[in-house]
Amino acid sequence: MIDREIHKILIPVDDSKMSDRAFDYGMDMAKLFDAEVHVIYVANGEGMSTPDFTVHFNEKNDDTSPLKEKGAAVLARLMKRVPEGVKVHQEILLGSPEVMIALTAEDDGADLIIMGSSGRNSFSSMFLGSVSYYTVHHVKCPVLLIK
């Protein structure tokens, strides 16, 4: 039995199969709890940021168009799968995925984060740290990892 209400669900996505599964699971949970969903794609160029430092761009000198285009394509593909009646807000963010997920969860007052257990390959996760590991240890709300 769940002893808390779920009104806001955050679903961070990338272009991985795990992320797609997490998105679908999140849609099912949103229908079940009549929850609002915030879907984010975090564009992270190599060398742009680390878990402790995020670069913010302004539109005038923004050289991140390819990153934004990929994010827009991922979000457009996923939005086609949103069930009728589910309220979804989508957003493309720039920076470190770990940090941006944690900040967005805090800013939104998320009741639950649903995300894939991995998006990076296991080799880079070993050296760079896992987005899901960082998220679980830096947010206040529950995190549901989908395999």
N, C-alpha and C. Protein backbone atom coordinates (compact mmCIF):
# COMPACT_ATOMS: atom_id res chain seq x y z
N MET A 1 0.84 -1.18 0.00
CA MET A 1 0.00 0.00 0.00
C MET A 1 0.89 1.24 0.00
N ILE A 2 0.60 2.18 -0.86
CA ILE A 2 1.36 3.42 -0.94
C ILE A 2 0.77 4.40 0.06
N ASP A 3 1.61 4.93 0.93
CA ASP A 3 1.13 5.81 1.99
C ASP A 3 1.31 7.29 1.67
N ARG A 4 1.62 7.60 0.44
CA ARG A 4 1.72 9.01 0.02
C ARG A 4 1.06 9.19 -1.32
N GLU A 5 0.60 10.40 -1.56
CA GLU A 5 -0.04 10.68 -2.83
C GLU A 5 1.01 11.09 -3.85
N ILE A 6 0.77 10.74 -5.08
CA ILE A 6 1.68 11.09 -6.17
C ILE A 6 0.94 12.02 -7.11
N HIS A 7 1.36 13.29 -7.10
CA HIS A 7 0.74 14.30 -7.95
C HIS A 7 1.64 14.72 -9.10
N LYS A 8 2.96 14.68 -8.88
CA LYS A 8 3.92 15.14 -9.89
C LYS A 8 4.99 14.07 -10.09
N ILE A 9 5.12 13.65 -11.35
CA ILE A 9 6.12 12.65 -11.71
C ILE A 9 7.12 13.28 -12.67
N LEU A 10 8.39 13.12 -12.38
CA LEU A 10 9.46 13.58 -13.26
C LEU A 10 10.02 12.37 -14.00
N ILE A 11 10.09 12.49 -15.33
CA ILE A 11 10.66 11.40 -16.14
C ILE A 11 11.79 11.97 -16.99
N PRO A 12 13.04 11.77 -16.57
CA PRO A 12 14.17 12.16 -17.42
C PRO A 12 14.34 11.11 -18.52
N VAL A 13 14.54 11.58 -19.75
CA VAL A 13 14.68 10.65 -20.87
C VAL A 13 15.94 10.93 -21.67
N ASP A 14 16.39 9.91 -22.36
CA ASP A 14 17.46 10.04 -23.35
C ASP A 14 17.03 9.18 -24.52
N ASP A 15 17.94 8.77 -25.35
CA ASP A 15 17.58 8.00 -26.54
C ASP A 15 17.89 6.52 -26.36
N SER A 16 17.65 5.99 -25.15
CA SER A 16 17.96 4.59 -24.87
C SER A 16 16.68 3.78 -24.70
N LYS A 17 16.80 2.46 -24.83
CA LYS A 17 15.65 1.58 -24.63
C LYS A 17 15.17 1.62 -23.19
N MET A 18 16.11 1.72 -22.24
CA MET A 18 15.74 1.81 -20.82
C MET A 18 14.90 3.05 -20.57
N SER A 19 15.27 4.13 -21.19
CA SER A 19 14.55 5.38 -21.04
C SER A 19 13.14 5.26 -21.62
N ASP A 20 13.01 4.61 -22.76
CA ASP A 20 11.69 4.40 -23.37
C ASP A 20 10.81 3.57 -22.43
N ARG A 21 11.38 2.54 -21.82
CA ARG A 21 10.61 1.72 -20.88
C ARG A 21 10.19 2.53 -19.67
N ALA A 22 11.09 3.38 -19.17
CA ALA A 22 10.76 4.22 -18.02
C ALA A 22 9.64 5.20 -18.39
N PHE A 23 9.70 5.75 -19.59
CA PHE A 23 8.66 6.66 -20.05
C PHE A 23 7.30 5.96 -20.07
N ASP A 24 7.25 4.77 -20.64
CA ASP A 24 5.99 4.02 -20.70
C ASP A 24 5.48 3.69 -19.30
N TYR A 25 6.36 3.29 -18.43
CA TYR A 25 5.98 2.99 -17.05
C TYR A 25 5.46 4.26 -16.38
N GLY A 26 6.12 5.37 -16.63
CA GLY A 26 5.69 6.65 -16.07
C GLY A 26 4.31 7.05 -16.54
N MET A 27 4.01 6.78 -17.81
CA MET A 27 2.68 7.10 -18.32
C MET A 27 1.62 6.25 -17.62
N ASP A 28 1.94 4.97 -17.40
CA ASP A 28 1.00 4.10 -16.68
C ASP A 28 0.78 4.60 -15.25
N MET A 29 1.86 5.00 -14.59
CA MET A 29 1.74 5.52 -13.21
C MET A 29 0.96 6.83 -13.19
N ALA A 30 1.17 7.67 -14.17
CA ALA A 30 0.45 8.95 -14.24
C ALA A 30 -1.06 8.71 -14.39
N LYS A 31 -1.43 7.74 -15.23
CA LYS A 31 -2.84 7.40 -15.38
C LYS A 31 -3.40 6.85 -14.07
N LEU A 32 -2.66 5.98 -13.43
CA LEU A 32 -3.10 5.34 -12.19
C LEU A 32 -3.37 6.36 -11.09
N PHE A 33 -2.47 7.35 -10.96
CA PHE A 33 -2.56 8.33 -9.88
C PHE A 33 -3.14 9.67 -10.33
N ASP A 34 -3.52 9.78 -11.59
CA ASP A 34 -3.98 11.04 -12.15
C ASP A 34 -2.94 12.14 -11.86
N ALA A 35 -1.69 11.80 -12.12
CA ALA A 35 -0.58 12.70 -11.82
C ALA A 35 -0.16 13.50 -13.05
N GLU A 36 0.41 14.65 -12.79
CA GLU A 36 1.00 15.49 -13.82
C GLU A 36 2.42 14.99 -14.07
N VAL A 37 2.86 15.04 -15.33
CA VAL A 37 4.18 14.52 -15.69
C VAL A 37 5.04 15.62 -16.30
N HIS A 38 6.29 15.68 -15.87
CA HIS A 38 7.29 16.58 -16.45
C HIS A 38 8.36 15.67 -17.07
N VAL A 39 8.47 15.71 -18.39
CA VAL A 39 9.46 14.92 -19.11
C VAL A 39 10.59 15.84 -19.51
N ILE A 40 11.81 15.48 -19.11
CA ILE A 40 12.97 16.30 -19.47
C ILE A 40 14.00 15.48 -20.25
N TYR A 41 14.59 16.15 -21.21
CA TYR A 41 15.75 15.63 -21.94
C TYR A 41 16.88 16.59 -21.61
N VAL A 42 17.97 16.06 -21.06
CA VAL A 42 19.10 16.92 -20.71
C VAL A 42 20.19 16.73 -21.75
N ALA A 43 20.45 17.79 -22.52
CA ALA A 43 21.50 17.78 -23.53
C ALA A 43 22.83 18.06 -22.84
N ASN A 44 23.75 17.14 -22.99
CA ASN A 44 25.04 17.25 -22.32
C ASN A 44 26.15 17.00 -23.32
N GLY A 45 26.79 18.07 -23.81
CA GLY A 45 27.92 17.92 -24.71
C GLY A 45 29.16 17.58 -23.92
N GLU A 46 30.04 16.77 -24.50
CA GLU A 46 31.28 16.43 -23.80
C GLU A 46 32.05 17.68 -23.46
N GLY A 47 32.54 17.73 -22.24
CA GLY A 47 33.31 18.87 -21.80
C GLY A 47 32.45 20.06 -21.40
N MET A 48 31.12 19.93 -21.52
CA MET A 48 30.24 21.04 -21.20
C MET A 48 30.05 21.18 -19.69
N SER A 49 30.04 20.04 -18.99
CA SER A 49 29.77 20.11 -17.57
C SER A 49 30.22 18.85 -16.86
N THR A 50 30.24 18.94 -15.54
CA THR A 50 30.52 17.81 -14.66
C THR A 50 29.39 17.77 -13.65
N PRO A 51 29.30 16.71 -12.83
CA PRO A 51 28.21 16.68 -11.86
C PRO A 51 28.17 17.87 -10.91
N ASP A 52 29.28 18.56 -10.71
CA ASP A 52 29.30 19.69 -9.77
C ASP A 52 29.29 21.05 -10.46
N PHE A 53 29.23 21.06 -11.80
CA PHE A 53 29.29 22.32 -12.53
C PHE A 53 28.47 22.22 -13.79
N THR A 54 27.54 23.12 -13.97
CA THR A 54 26.69 23.11 -15.15
C THR A 54 26.83 24.43 -15.88
N VAL A 55 27.00 24.36 -17.18
CA VAL A 55 27.11 25.55 -18.02
C VAL A 55 25.71 25.94 -18.49
N HIS A 56 25.35 27.19 -18.33
CA HIS A 56 24.09 27.69 -18.85
C HIS A 56 24.38 28.58 -20.05
N PHE A 57 23.63 28.42 -21.10
CA PHE A 57 23.84 29.16 -22.33
C PHE A 57 22.77 30.21 -22.50
N ASN A 58 23.12 31.30 -23.18
CA ASN A 58 22.06 32.22 -23.60
C ASN A 58 21.90 32.05 -25.10
N GLU A 59 20.75 32.41 -25.61
CA GLU A 59 20.42 32.13 -27.00
C GLU A 59 21.34 32.84 -28.00
N LYS A 60 21.92 33.98 -27.66
CA LYS A 60 22.73 34.74 -28.60
C LYS A 60 24.01 34.02 -29.01
N ASN A 61 24.67 33.35 -28.08
CA ASN A 61 25.93 32.67 -28.41
C ASN A 61 25.82 31.17 -28.19
N ASP A 62 24.65 30.62 -28.45
CA ASP A 62 24.36 29.22 -28.21
C ASP A 62 24.82 28.37 -29.38
N ASP A 63 25.77 27.47 -29.13
CA ASP A 63 26.26 26.56 -30.16
C ASP A 63 25.81 25.14 -29.84
N THR A 64 24.61 25.00 -29.32
CA THR A 64 24.13 23.69 -28.89
C THR A 64 22.98 23.19 -29.76
N SER A 65 22.79 23.76 -30.93
CA SER A 65 21.67 23.37 -31.79
C SER A 65 21.59 21.87 -32.06
N PRO A 66 22.69 21.19 -32.38
CA PRO A 66 22.58 19.74 -32.62
C PRO A 66 22.10 18.98 -31.38
N LEU A 67 22.53 19.41 -30.21
CA LEU A 67 22.09 18.76 -28.98
C LEU A 67 20.60 18.98 -28.75
N LYS A 68 20.15 20.20 -28.99
CA LYS A 68 18.73 20.52 -28.82
C LYS A 68 17.88 19.79 -29.85
N GLU A 69 18.39 19.67 -31.07
CA GLU A 69 17.64 18.97 -32.13
C GLU A 69 17.45 17.51 -31.77
N LYS A 70 18.50 16.88 -31.24
CA LYS A 70 18.37 15.47 -30.83
C LYS A 70 17.34 15.35 -29.72
N GLY A 71 17.40 16.25 -28.74
CA GLY A 71 16.43 16.24 -27.65
C GLY A 71 15.02 16.44 -28.14
N ALA A 72 14.84 17.36 -29.09
CA ALA A 72 13.51 17.62 -29.64
C ALA A 72 12.98 16.39 -30.37
N ALA A 73 13.85 15.69 -31.08
CA ALA A 73 13.44 14.48 -31.80
C ALA A 73 13.02 13.38 -30.82
N VAL A 74 13.79 13.21 -29.75
CA VAL A 74 13.45 12.20 -28.74
C VAL A 74 12.11 12.53 -28.10
N LEU A 75 11.94 13.79 -27.70
CA LEU A 75 10.68 14.19 -27.06
C LEU A 75 9.49 14.04 -28.01
N ALA A 76 9.67 14.43 -29.27
CA ALA A 76 8.58 14.32 -30.25
C ALA A 76 8.16 12.86 -30.42
N ARG A 77 9.13 11.97 -30.48
CA ARG A 77 8.84 10.54 -30.61
C ARG A 77 8.06 10.03 -29.40
N LEU A 78 8.48 10.43 -28.21
CA LEU A 78 7.82 9.96 -27.00
C LEU A 78 6.43 10.57 -26.80
N MET A 79 6.26 11.83 -27.18
CA MET A 79 4.97 12.49 -26.98
C MET A 79 3.85 11.82 -27.77
N LYS A 80 4.20 11.12 -28.84
CA LYS A 80 3.21 10.39 -29.62
C LYS A 80 2.61 9.23 -28.82
N ARG A 81 3.29 8.84 -27.73
CA ARG A 81 2.86 7.70 -26.93
C ARG A 81 2.15 8.11 -25.63
N VAL A 82 1.89 9.39 -25.47
CA VAL A 82 1.22 9.85 -24.26
C VAL A 82 -0.26 9.46 -24.33
N PRO A 83 -0.73 8.74 -23.31
CA PRO A 83 -2.15 8.36 -23.31
C PRO A 83 -3.07 9.57 -23.16
N GLU A 84 -4.25 9.45 -23.71
CA GLU A 84 -5.23 10.52 -23.60
C GLU A 84 -5.52 10.80 -22.12
N GLY A 85 -5.58 12.09 -21.80
CA GLY A 85 -5.91 12.49 -20.44
C GLY A 85 -4.73 12.71 -19.53
N VAL A 86 -3.53 12.29 -19.94
CA VAL A 86 -2.34 12.49 -19.10
C VAL A 86 -1.77 13.88 -19.41
N LYS A 87 -1.58 14.68 -18.36
CA LYS A 87 -1.03 16.03 -18.51
C LYS A 87 0.49 15.95 -18.51
N VAL A 88 1.10 16.39 -19.61
CA VAL A 88 2.55 16.30 -19.76
C VAL A 88 3.14 17.65 -20.13
N HIS A 89 4.21 18.01 -19.42
CA HIS A 89 5.03 19.18 -19.75
C HIS A 89 6.38 18.62 -20.18
N GLN A 90 6.90 19.07 -21.31
CA GLN A 90 8.19 18.59 -21.79
C GLN A 90 9.18 19.73 -21.86
N GLU A 91 10.45 19.40 -21.66
CA GLU A 91 11.48 20.44 -21.63
C GLU A 91 12.83 19.87 -22.00
N ILE A 92 13.59 20.67 -22.75
CA ILE A 92 14.98 20.33 -23.06
C ILE A 92 15.85 21.23 -22.19
N LEU A 93 16.74 20.61 -21.42
CA LEU A 93 17.64 21.35 -20.54
C LEU A 93 19.07 21.12 -21.00
N LEU A 94 19.95 22.06 -20.69
CA LEU A 94 21.36 21.94 -21.04
C LEU A 94 22.19 21.85 -19.77
N GLY A 95 23.11 20.91 -19.73
CA GLY A 95 23.99 20.79 -18.57
C GLY A 95 24.25 19.34 -18.22
N SER A 96 24.68 19.13 -17.01
CA SER A 96 24.95 17.80 -16.51
C SER A 96 23.63 17.10 -16.21
N PRO A 97 23.37 15.93 -16.81
CA PRO A 97 22.10 15.26 -16.53
C PRO A 97 21.87 15.02 -15.04
N GLU A 98 22.90 14.60 -14.32
CA GLU A 98 22.76 14.33 -12.89
C GLU A 98 22.25 15.55 -12.15
N VAL A 99 22.89 16.67 -12.39
CA VAL A 99 22.56 17.90 -11.67
C VAL A 99 21.21 18.43 -12.11
N MET A 100 20.95 18.43 -13.40
CA MET A 100 19.69 18.99 -13.90
C MET A 100 18.48 18.17 -13.44
N ILE A 101 18.62 16.86 -13.35
CA ILE A 101 17.53 16.03 -12.85
C ILE A 101 17.24 16.37 -11.40
N ALA A 102 18.29 16.45 -10.59
CA ALA A 102 18.11 16.78 -9.17
C ALA A 102 17.51 18.17 -8.99
N LEU A 103 18.00 19.15 -9.74
CA LEU A 103 17.47 20.51 -9.63
C LEU A 103 16.01 20.59 -10.07
N THR A 104 15.69 19.91 -11.16
CA THR A 104 14.32 19.93 -11.66
C THR A 104 13.37 19.26 -10.67
N ALA A 105 13.80 18.14 -10.09
CA ALA A 105 12.95 17.45 -9.10
C ALA A 105 12.66 18.38 -7.93
N GLU A 106 13.68 19.10 -7.48
CA GLU A 106 13.51 20.03 -6.36
C GLU A 106 12.60 21.20 -6.75
N ASP A 107 12.88 21.80 -7.90
CA ASP A 107 12.09 22.95 -8.37
C ASP A 107 10.62 22.59 -8.61
N ASP A 108 10.38 21.40 -9.16
CA ASP A 108 9.02 20.96 -9.47
C ASP A 108 8.25 20.48 -8.24
N GLY A 109 8.99 20.12 -7.19
CA GLY A 109 8.33 19.46 -6.07
C GLY A 109 7.87 18.08 -6.48
N ALA A 110 8.70 17.37 -7.24
CA ALA A 110 8.34 16.04 -7.74
C ALA A 110 8.07 15.09 -6.58
N ASP A 111 7.03 14.29 -6.74
CA ASP A 111 6.70 13.26 -5.76
C ASP A 111 7.39 11.94 -6.09
N LEU A 112 7.79 11.79 -7.35
CA LEU A 112 8.40 10.55 -7.81
C LEU A 112 9.19 10.83 -9.08
N ILE A 113 10.36 10.21 -9.18
CA ILE A 113 11.15 10.23 -10.41
C ILE A 113 11.14 8.82 -10.96
N ILE A 114 10.84 8.68 -12.24
CA ILE A 114 10.89 7.38 -12.90
C ILE A 114 11.90 7.50 -14.03
N MET A 115 12.94 6.67 -13.97
CA MET A 115 14.00 6.77 -14.97
C MET A 115 14.60 5.40 -15.26
N GLY A 116 15.25 5.31 -16.42
CA GLY A 116 15.96 4.09 -16.76
C GLY A 116 17.14 3.88 -15.84
N SER A 117 17.46 2.62 -15.59
CA SER A 117 18.56 2.32 -14.68
C SER A 117 19.91 2.66 -15.28
N SER A 118 19.98 2.75 -16.61
CA SER A 118 21.22 3.19 -17.25
C SER A 118 20.92 3.68 -18.64
N GLY A 119 21.68 4.69 -19.04
CA GLY A 119 21.58 5.20 -20.40
C GLY A 119 22.95 5.18 -21.04
N ARG A 120 23.96 5.39 -20.21
CA ARG A 120 25.34 5.33 -20.68
C ARG A 120 25.76 3.88 -20.78
N ASN A 121 26.85 3.66 -21.50
CA ASN A 121 27.36 2.30 -21.50
C ASN A 121 28.07 2.04 -20.18
N SER A 122 28.22 0.79 -19.81
CA SER A 122 28.76 0.46 -18.50
C SER A 122 30.21 0.91 -18.34
N PHE A 123 30.97 0.95 -19.41
CA PHE A 123 32.37 1.38 -19.31
C PHE A 123 32.46 2.84 -18.87
N SER A 124 31.68 3.73 -19.52
CA SER A 124 31.76 5.14 -19.14
C SER A 124 31.14 5.37 -17.77
N SER A 125 30.11 4.58 -17.40
CA SER A 125 29.51 4.74 -16.07
C SER A 125 30.53 4.44 -14.98
N MET A 126 31.41 3.49 -15.24
CA MET A 126 32.41 3.11 -14.25
C MET A 126 33.33 4.29 -13.95
N PHE A 127 33.66 5.09 -14.96
CA PHE A 127 34.58 6.20 -14.76
C PHE A 127 33.88 7.53 -14.50
N LEU A 128 32.73 7.75 -15.08
CA LEU A 128 32.06 9.04 -14.97
C LEU A 128 30.99 9.07 -13.89
N GLY A 129 30.59 7.91 -13.42
CA GLY A 129 29.51 7.85 -12.44
C GLY A 129 28.18 7.70 -13.14
N SER A 130 27.28 7.04 -12.52
CA SER A 130 25.98 6.76 -13.11
C SER A 130 24.98 7.87 -12.79
N VAL A 131 24.22 8.26 -13.80
CA VAL A 131 23.19 9.29 -13.61
C VAL A 131 22.17 8.80 -12.59
N SER A 132 21.76 7.55 -12.72
CA SER A 132 20.77 7.03 -11.78
C SER A 132 21.33 6.96 -10.36
N TYR A 133 22.57 6.56 -10.20
CA TYR A 133 23.19 6.50 -8.87
C TYR A 133 23.23 7.89 -8.24
N TYR A 134 23.66 8.87 -9.00
CA TYR A 134 23.72 10.25 -8.50
C TYR A 134 22.32 10.73 -8.10
N THR A 135 21.35 10.46 -8.97
CA THR A 135 19.98 10.91 -8.70
C THR A 135 19.44 10.31 -7.42
N VAL A 136 19.57 9.01 -7.26
CA VAL A 136 19.07 8.34 -6.06
C VAL A 136 19.65 8.96 -4.79
N HIS A 137 20.91 9.36 -4.85
CA HIS A 137 21.59 9.87 -3.66
C HIS A 137 21.51 11.38 -3.46
N HIS A 138 20.88 12.10 -4.40
CA HIS A 138 20.84 13.57 -4.28
C HIS A 138 19.45 14.18 -4.35
N VAL A 139 18.41 13.37 -4.40
CA VAL A 139 17.05 13.92 -4.41
C VAL A 139 16.31 13.48 -3.15
N LYS A 140 15.27 14.23 -2.84
CA LYS A 140 14.50 13.95 -1.63
C LYS A 140 13.33 12.99 -1.88
N CYS A 141 12.87 12.92 -3.11
CA CYS A 141 11.70 12.08 -3.42
C CYS A 141 12.15 10.67 -3.81
N PRO A 142 11.22 9.73 -3.81
CA PRO A 142 11.55 8.38 -4.26
C PRO A 142 11.94 8.35 -5.74
N VAL A 143 12.82 7.42 -6.09
CA VAL A 143 13.25 7.23 -7.47
C VAL A 143 12.96 5.78 -7.85
N LEU A 144 12.21 5.60 -8.92
CA LEU A 144 11.90 4.28 -9.42
C LEU A 144 12.77 4.04 -10.65
N LEU A 145 13.69 3.06 -10.54
CA LEU A 145 14.58 2.73 -11.65
C LEU A 145 14.01 1.57 -12.44
N ILE A 146 13.92 1.75 -13.74
CA ILE A 146 13.36 0.73 -14.62
C ILE A 146 14.49 0.04 -15.38
N LYS A 147 14.45 -1.31 -15.38
CA LYS A 147 15.46 -2.10 -16.08
C LYS A 147 14.94 -2.57 -17.42
